Amino acid sequence: MPFLYGCAFTSEDLDVLSGVLNAWCAERHIDIRSVEAQFAASTALDLYQSGHHEHDKLLSALNGRTGL
């Protein structure tokens, strides 16, 4: 995963990311271990790294992504 090389996440970062992924999966009744959830997690990481650091903003950005 080259985009994560040299990138460190704090426990707060991980809390936001996992909270958003859990909320996204719950809204869609998707198993968090599914391929769809893995794709959403990857997208959430990209969005987080591009500046969506707050739970609500990240979830909104993730919900706005087409194809998820």
N, C-alpha and C. Protein backbone atom coordinates (compact mmCIF):
# COMPACT_ATOMS: atom_id res chain seq x y z
N MET A 1 0.83 -1.18 0.00
CA MET A 1 0.00 0.00 0.00
C MET A 1 0.87 1.25 0.00
N PRO A 2 1.33 1.68 -1.11
CA PRO A 2 2.25 2.80 -1.18
C PRO A 2 1.70 4.11 -0.62
N PHE A 3 0.39 4.36 -0.75
CA PHE A 3 -0.14 5.64 -0.29
C PHE A 3 -0.09 5.79 1.23
N LEU A 4 0.06 4.70 1.96
CA LEU A 4 0.14 4.77 3.41
C LEU A 4 1.58 4.79 3.92
N TYR A 5 2.54 4.63 3.03
CA TYR A 5 3.94 4.61 3.44
C TYR A 5 4.29 5.92 4.12
N GLY A 6 4.85 5.84 5.29
CA GLY A 6 5.25 7.03 6.02
C GLY A 6 4.10 7.76 6.70
N CYS A 7 2.92 7.19 6.65
CA CYS A 7 1.74 7.82 7.23
C CYS A 7 1.44 7.16 8.57
N ALA A 8 1.27 7.98 9.58
CA ALA A 8 0.94 7.44 10.90
C ALA A 8 -0.44 7.94 11.32
N PHE A 9 -1.24 7.04 11.83
CA PHE A 9 -2.56 7.39 12.31
C PHE A 9 -2.57 7.32 13.83
N THR A 10 -3.21 8.29 14.46
CA THR A 10 -3.38 8.27 15.91
C THR A 10 -4.60 7.43 16.25
N SER A 11 -4.77 7.16 17.52
CA SER A 11 -5.94 6.40 17.94
C SER A 11 -7.22 7.19 17.64
N GLU A 12 -7.15 8.52 17.71
CA GLU A 12 -8.30 9.36 17.39
C GLU A 12 -8.66 9.24 15.91
N ASP A 13 -7.64 9.21 15.04
CA ASP A 13 -7.86 9.02 13.61
C ASP A 13 -8.58 7.70 13.36
N LEU A 14 -8.08 6.66 13.98
CA LEU A 14 -8.66 5.33 13.80
C LEU A 14 -10.08 5.26 14.34
N ASP A 15 -10.35 5.98 15.44
CA ASP A 15 -11.71 6.02 15.99
C ASP A 15 -12.67 6.66 14.99
N VAL A 16 -12.24 7.76 14.38
CA VAL A 16 -13.09 8.43 13.39
C VAL A 16 -13.33 7.50 12.20
N LEU A 17 -12.27 6.94 11.67
CA LEU A 17 -12.38 6.06 10.51
C LEU A 17 -13.26 4.84 10.79
N SER A 18 -13.05 4.18 11.92
CA SER A 18 -13.84 2.99 12.22
C SER A 18 -15.30 3.36 12.51
N GLY A 19 -15.51 4.50 13.17
CA GLY A 19 -16.87 4.94 13.45
C GLY A 19 -17.64 5.24 12.17
N VAL A 20 -16.97 5.88 11.23
CA VAL A 20 -17.61 6.20 9.95
C VAL A 20 -17.91 4.92 9.17
N LEU A 21 -16.95 4.01 9.13
CA LEU A 21 -17.18 2.76 8.41
C LEU A 21 -18.31 1.96 9.04
N ASN A 22 -18.35 1.90 10.35
CA ASN A 22 -19.44 1.19 11.03
C ASN A 22 -20.78 1.84 10.72
N ALA A 23 -20.84 3.16 10.76
CA ALA A 23 -22.09 3.87 10.47
C ALA A 23 -22.51 3.65 9.02
N TRP A 24 -21.56 3.72 8.10
CA TRP A 24 -21.85 3.53 6.68
C TRP A 24 -22.41 2.13 6.43
N CYS A 25 -21.78 1.14 7.02
CA CYS A 25 -22.25 -0.24 6.87
C CYS A 25 -23.63 -0.44 7.50
N ALA A 26 -23.84 0.13 8.67
CA ALA A 26 -25.13 -0.02 9.35
C ALA A 26 -26.25 0.62 8.55
N GLU A 27 -26.00 1.80 7.98
CA GLU A 27 -27.02 2.48 7.18
C GLU A 27 -27.44 1.64 5.98
N ARG A 28 -26.52 0.86 5.45
CA ARG A 28 -26.77 0.08 4.23
C ARG A 28 -27.01 -1.40 4.50
N HIS A 29 -26.98 -1.79 5.77
CA HIS A 29 -27.14 -3.20 6.15
C HIS A 29 -26.12 -4.07 5.42
N ILE A 30 -24.87 -3.62 5.46
CA ILE A 30 -23.76 -4.32 4.81
C ILE A 30 -22.84 -4.89 5.88
N ASP A 31 -22.44 -6.13 5.70
CA ASP A 31 -21.49 -6.78 6.61
C ASP A 31 -20.15 -6.05 6.52
N ILE A 32 -19.60 -5.68 7.64
CA ILE A 32 -18.35 -4.93 7.67
C ILE A 32 -17.18 -5.73 7.10
N ARG A 33 -17.33 -7.03 7.00
CA ARG A 33 -16.28 -7.89 6.44
C ARG A 33 -16.43 -8.12 4.94
N SER A 34 -17.43 -7.48 4.33
CA SER A 34 -17.71 -7.69 2.92
C SER A 34 -16.75 -6.91 2.01
N VAL A 35 -16.77 -7.29 0.76
CA VAL A 35 -15.96 -6.58 -0.25
C VAL A 35 -16.41 -5.13 -0.35
N GLU A 36 -17.71 -4.90 -0.28
CA GLU A 36 -18.23 -3.53 -0.35
C GLU A 36 -17.68 -2.67 0.79
N ALA A 37 -17.63 -3.25 1.98
CA ALA A 37 -17.10 -2.53 3.13
C ALA A 37 -15.61 -2.28 2.98
N GLN A 38 -14.89 -3.21 2.41
CA GLN A 38 -13.46 -3.01 2.17
C GLN A 38 -13.23 -1.86 1.20
N PHE A 39 -14.04 -1.80 0.16
CA PHE A 39 -13.92 -0.71 -0.81
C PHE A 39 -14.27 0.63 -0.14
N ALA A 40 -15.31 0.63 0.69
CA ALA A 40 -15.70 1.85 1.41
C ALA A 40 -14.59 2.27 2.37
N ALA A 41 -13.93 1.32 3.02
CA ALA A 41 -12.84 1.65 3.94
C ALA A 41 -11.69 2.30 3.18
N SER A 42 -11.36 1.78 2.03
CA SER A 42 -10.30 2.36 1.21
C SER A 42 -10.67 3.78 0.79
N THR A 43 -11.91 3.96 0.39
CA THR A 43 -12.39 5.29 -0.01
C THR A 43 -12.37 6.24 1.18
N ALA A 44 -12.78 5.76 2.34
CA ALA A 44 -12.77 6.59 3.55
C ALA A 44 -11.34 7.02 3.91
N LEU A 45 -10.38 6.13 3.75
CA LEU A 45 -8.98 6.50 4.00
C LEU A 45 -8.53 7.61 3.05
N ASP A 46 -8.88 7.47 1.78
CA ASP A 46 -8.53 8.51 0.81
C ASP A 46 -9.16 9.85 1.19
N LEU A 47 -10.43 9.81 1.54
CA LEU A 47 -11.13 11.03 1.92
C LEU A 47 -10.53 11.64 3.19
N TYR A 48 -10.20 10.79 4.14
CA TYR A 48 -9.61 11.26 5.40
C TYR A 48 -8.28 11.97 5.13
N GLN A 49 -7.48 11.35 4.28
CA GLN A 49 -6.18 11.94 3.97
C GLN A 49 -6.30 13.21 3.15
N SER A 50 -7.44 13.41 2.50
CA SER A 50 -7.63 14.63 1.73
C SER A 50 -8.28 15.74 2.54
N GLY A 51 -8.47 15.51 3.85
CA GLY A 51 -8.92 16.60 4.72
C GLY A 51 -10.25 16.42 5.41
N HIS A 52 -10.95 15.34 5.20
CA HIS A 52 -12.23 15.10 5.87
C HIS A 52 -11.96 14.40 7.20
N HIS A 53 -11.59 15.16 8.21
CA HIS A 53 -11.13 14.59 9.49
C HIS A 53 -12.22 14.46 10.55
N GLU A 54 -13.36 15.06 10.33
CA GLU A 54 -14.44 14.98 11.32
C GLU A 54 -15.44 13.91 10.89
N HIS A 55 -15.99 13.21 11.88
CA HIS A 55 -16.91 12.09 11.62
C HIS A 55 -18.01 12.47 10.64
N ASP A 56 -18.74 13.53 10.94
CA ASP A 56 -19.89 13.89 10.10
C ASP A 56 -19.47 14.29 8.69
N LYS A 57 -18.38 15.03 8.58
CA LYS A 57 -17.91 15.44 7.25
C LYS A 57 -17.40 14.25 6.45
N LEU A 58 -16.72 13.35 7.11
CA LEU A 58 -16.21 12.16 6.42
C LEU A 58 -17.36 11.26 5.98
N LEU A 59 -18.33 11.05 6.85
CA LEU A 59 -19.48 10.22 6.50
C LEU A 59 -20.25 10.83 5.35
N SER A 60 -20.43 12.14 5.39
CA SER A 60 -21.14 12.82 4.31
C SER A 60 -20.38 12.67 2.99
N ALA A 61 -19.08 12.84 3.03
CA ALA A 61 -18.26 12.69 1.82
C ALA A 61 -18.32 11.25 1.30
N LEU A 62 -18.29 10.30 2.20
CA LEU A 62 -18.37 8.89 1.81
C LEU A 62 -19.73 8.58 1.20
N ASN A 63 -20.77 9.13 1.80
CA ASN A 63 -22.13 8.93 1.26
C ASN A 63 -22.27 9.58 -0.11
N GLY A 64 -21.51 10.63 -0.36
CA GLY A 64 -21.58 11.32 -1.63
C GLY A 64 -20.84 10.65 -2.77
N ARG A 65 -20.07 9.63 -2.45
CA ARG A 65 -19.31 8.92 -3.47
C ARG A 65 -20.23 8.00 -4.25
N THR A 66 -20.20 8.10 -5.55
CA THR A 66 -21.00 7.20 -6.38
C THR A 66 -20.26 5.87 -6.52
N GLY A 67 -21.00 4.84 -6.70
CA GLY A 67 -20.42 3.52 -6.88
C GLY A 67 -20.16 2.77 -5.59
N LEU A 68 -20.51 3.37 -4.47
CA LEU A 68 -20.35 2.67 -3.19
C LEU A 68 -21.66 2.08 -2.75
